[in-house]
Amino acid sequence: MKAILIDPKENKISEIEGDFSDIKIIHGVLQCETFCGAGVPNTSRPEIFYLDDEGMFNSKDYWNYAGYHQTLAGRGLIVGVGSGGYEQSTSLTVDEVKSKVTFDVEFDPSKLEFRIYAL
């Protein structure tokens, strides 16, 4: 499936292919031990970020995504979400994502938000 990789260390956004329903592959692409998912804002179809869960602690490579509520760090991966919540190819293009990402941003810890939801 098609996904978009955001690599702030290289200031690069690229389209990649892979089986992103496999957690091991996501770990490898993100180059991290743990990752989390978050909704990509302002899209016509459901899309999800997979993000390095420890990026704020282990990386100085900060970036912003237009419409997202906080600064991000480390690599990010965007995949589409299909019926039943399963991963599918993203509907976004590299150019669309490039227009929304800003690299080399200053990190302001006061803007970091933690949200806990009861299930």
Foldseek 3Di string as FASTA:
>chain_A
DWKWKQALVVRDIDIDDDDVLDPVVVCVSQVEDDWDKDWDPDDPATKIKTARPCFVPPFPKWKFFPPDQFIGGGMIMMFGADPPRDTDHDPDDSVVRVVGMDTPDDHDVVSDDDDDDDD
